[in-house]
Structure formats: structure tokens, C-alpha cells
Amino acid sequence: MRLSRNTHYAIRAVVDLALRERGRSGEVARRQGIPPAYMAKVVHELSKAGIVRTYRGTHGGIQLAKAPASLTLRDVVEATEGPIALNLCVFWGDCRCEQPCPVRAALAHLQSAVERELDGVTIAQLAARLPAEWPGHQERAGIQI
């Protein structure tokens, strides 16, 4: 399993937003080194998933739609990657192998472990563990996470 560059950028953008109330997508992209073309796609996917809200106009920008403590790493990964599926027979449940299949059982166990681990990490936890040199950390707006 390999997460896409888009997912990597989405995680960085969401953690960046956890450090401030609201920001412009261009500012987040600049702080996190995200190319503008990727940032537009990231914001669109995160907005569609209900993770961020977007505002137009002079005072527009983006902000988290939920508290960082209620957003998990799994929320962000699935917003950009879709549902986590290590193997389609586990995800769809249509394995053509004779049951019980030891491969399917092992993959189902691994699937559960990955989901549990991603659910166990909140955006607030990630933001709280940032090193001082992390991009945008110095510009933190004093938001409680």
C-alpha cells in the first residue's frame, strides 16, 4: 500500500489548518511546499468529504470543518484515496477461492489493523507533536488543538 502524493499534501494541509483558525489556500500551499495545482485538488477533495469549509470573497479562505481532535488520519486518507482496500476480496467480499481462505483471513486481519491505526491518530495529535522547524509552525496563531 502506498499513499499518493495528493494524500501526503492533504495531510500536511489539514495539519497546517489545525494550527490556525482560517487561512488562504495559497498561504497553506506556500507554507507546506504544495504546488498550487495540487492544492486546488486537495481542497476540493477535502471539502467534498466535509473536512474543510471554503469561503469566497475578500475574507475568503479555508478552515477545518470539524475540530482537529475529531478528525482522524483515516478521514483524510479516505477523502483523497477512497476507502482503504488492501485487497478487493476483503473489501468487496466476493472472493472466488474456496472458503475459508487463509489468504483472505490474513488480509482481513491486516485491513482491520490498518483501519484501527489510522483511526487512532487524530489531526490534533499530529499537530501537537510537530517539531518547531515544521513549515508554518512558527506562524501558529495560538489556536487550541
Protein backbone atom coordinates (compact mmCIF):
# COMPACT_ATOMS: atom_id res chain seq x y z
CA MET A 1 0.00 0.00 0.00
CA ARG A 2 1.35 3.39 -0.95
CA LEU A 3 -0.30 6.71 -0.28
CA SER A 4 -0.37 9.15 -3.16
CA ARG A 5 1.39 12.49 -3.24
CA ASN A 6 -2.08 14.06 -3.14
CA THR A 7 -2.78 12.34 0.19
CA HIS A 8 0.59 13.44 1.56
CA TYR A 9 -0.26 17.04 0.65
CA ALA A 10 -3.77 16.71 2.11
CA ILE A 11 -2.39 15.54 5.45
CA ARG A 12 0.07 18.43 5.54
CA ALA A 13 -2.65 20.94 4.62
CA VAL A 14 -5.05 19.66 7.30
CA VAL A 15 -2.35 19.70 9.98
CA ASP A 16 -1.40 23.22 8.89
CA LEU A 17 -5.04 24.31 9.23
CA ALA A 18 -5.19 22.76 12.70
CA LEU A 19 -2.66 25.39 13.79
CA ARG A 20 -4.81 28.37 12.80
CA GLU A 21 -8.48 29.30 12.57
CA ARG A 22 -8.57 30.01 8.86
CA GLY A 23 -6.17 30.51 6.00
CA ARG A 24 -6.00 31.10 2.31
CA SER A 25 -5.22 28.02 0.28
CA GLY A 26 -2.29 29.85 -1.34
CA GLU A 27 -0.77 30.56 2.08
CA VAL A 28 -1.15 26.94 3.17
CA ALA A 29 0.37 25.78 -0.13
CA ARG A 30 3.31 28.16 0.28
CA ARG A 31 4.00 27.13 3.88
CA GLN A 32 3.78 23.42 3.07
CA GLY A 33 5.53 23.48 -0.30
CA ILE A 34 2.41 22.23 -2.11
CA PRO A 35 2.18 23.15 -5.80
CA PRO A 36 -0.92 25.33 -6.44
CA ALA A 37 -2.39 22.81 -8.91
CA TYR A 38 -2.24 20.09 -6.25
CA MET A 39 -3.60 22.43 -3.59
CA ALA A 40 -6.75 23.14 -5.60
CA LYS A 41 -7.38 19.41 -5.96
CA VAL A 42 -6.63 18.77 -2.28
CA VAL A 43 -9.02 21.50 -1.13
CA HIS A 44 -11.73 20.21 -3.45
CA GLU A 45 -11.43 16.63 -2.14
CA LEU A 46 -11.26 17.70 1.50
CA SER A 47 -14.25 19.99 1.04
CA LYS A 48 -16.27 17.25 -0.67
CA ALA A 49 -15.50 14.94 2.29
CA GLY A 50 -16.61 17.58 4.82
CA ILE A 51 -13.14 18.02 6.29
CA VAL A 52 -12.67 21.66 5.28
CA ARG A 53 -15.01 24.54 4.53
CA THR A 54 -14.24 27.04 1.82
CA TYR A 55 -15.21 30.71 1.81
CA ARG A 56 -15.22 33.00 -1.20
CA GLY A 57 -14.65 36.71 -1.40
CA THR A 58 -12.35 39.25 0.18
CA HIS A 59 -12.34 37.47 3.52
CA GLY A 60 -12.45 34.04 1.96
CA GLY A 61 -10.24 31.10 2.59
CA ILE A 62 -10.37 27.62 4.03
CA GLN A 63 -10.74 26.21 7.51
CA LEU A 64 -11.31 22.88 9.15
CA ALA A 65 -14.99 21.94 9.25
CA LYS A 66 -14.50 19.97 12.46
CA ALA A 67 -12.28 20.23 15.50
CA PRO A 68 -8.82 18.73 14.91
CA ALA A 69 -9.44 16.29 17.79
CA SER A 70 -12.43 14.82 15.93
CA LEU A 71 -10.63 14.37 12.60
CA THR A 72 -8.53 11.25 12.12
CA LEU A 73 -5.76 10.37 9.77
CA ARG A 74 -8.15 7.83 8.24
CA ASP A 75 -10.64 10.62 7.45
CA VAL A 76 -8.00 12.47 5.43
CA VAL A 77 -6.61 9.36 3.73
CA GLU A 78 -10.06 8.16 2.66
CA ALA A 79 -11.01 11.66 1.46
CA THR A 80 -8.19 11.54 -1.07
CA GLU A 81 -7.67 7.81 -1.69
CA GLY A 82 -11.19 6.48 -1.28
CA PRO A 83 -12.00 3.59 1.04
CA ILE A 84 -8.97 1.68 2.24
CA ALA A 85 -8.88 -1.66 0.44
CA LEU A 86 -5.75 -3.74 0.81
CA ASN A 87 -7.29 -6.46 -1.33
CA LEU A 88 -10.57 -6.35 -3.23
CA CYS A 89 -11.71 -9.74 -1.98
CA VAL A 90 -11.65 -8.34 1.55
CA PHE A 91 -13.28 -5.08 0.55
CA TRP A 92 -15.97 -6.47 -1.75
CA GLY A 93 -16.37 -9.82 -0.01
CA ASP A 94 -16.58 -11.68 -3.32
CA CYS A 95 -13.55 -13.96 -3.06
CA ARG A 96 -13.88 -16.83 -5.53
CA CYS A 97 -11.48 -19.01 -3.58
CA GLU A 98 -12.75 -21.94 -1.61
CA GLN A 99 -13.69 -20.76 1.86
CA PRO A 100 -12.35 -20.49 4.43
CA CYS A 101 -9.46 -18.91 2.57
CA PRO A 102 -6.36 -18.35 4.74
CA VAL A 103 -5.14 -15.53 2.47
CA ARG A 104 -8.42 -13.64 2.79
CA ALA A 105 -8.43 -14.11 6.57
CA ALA A 106 -4.88 -12.76 6.85
CA LEU A 107 -5.66 -9.78 4.62
CA ALA A 108 -8.87 -9.04 6.54
CA HIS A 109 -6.85 -9.01 9.76
CA LEU A 110 -4.31 -6.65 8.21
CA GLN A 111 -7.12 -4.45 6.82
CA SER A 112 -8.60 -4.11 10.32
CA ALA A 113 -5.20 -3.26 11.79
CA VAL A 114 -4.54 -0.51 9.22
CA GLU A 115 -8.00 1.00 9.76
CA ARG A 116 -7.61 0.85 13.56
CA GLU A 117 -4.20 2.53 13.45
CA LEU A 118 -5.37 5.32 11.13
CA ASP A 119 -8.48 5.85 13.29
CA GLY A 120 -6.26 6.06 16.36
CA VAL A 121 -4.36 9.15 15.19
CA THR A 122 -6.15 12.49 15.29
CA ILE A 123 -5.12 15.64 13.48
CA ALA A 124 -4.84 17.33 16.89
CA GLN A 125 -2.33 14.69 18.00
CA LEU A 126 -0.27 15.21 14.86
CA ALA A 127 -0.32 18.99 15.27
CA ALA A 128 0.68 18.71 18.94
CA ARG A 129 3.74 16.62 18.04
CA LEU A 130 5.12 18.93 15.36
CA PRO A 131 8.76 19.89 15.66
CA ALA A 132 9.48 23.62 15.90
CA GLU A 133 11.05 23.61 12.43
CA TRP A 134 7.93 22.20 10.71
CA PRO A 135 6.75 24.61 7.96
CA GLY A 136 4.20 27.05 9.35
CA HIS A 137 4.71 26.04 12.98
CA GLN A 138 6.42 29.34 13.80
CA GLU A 139 3.43 31.23 12.34
CA ARG A 140 0.97 29.40 14.60
CA ALA A 141 -1.95 31.60 15.54
CA GLY A 142 -2.34 30.31 19.10
CA ILE A 143 -5.30 28.07 18.30
CA GLN A 144 -6.13 25.41 20.88
CA ILE A 145 -5.79 21.94 19.39
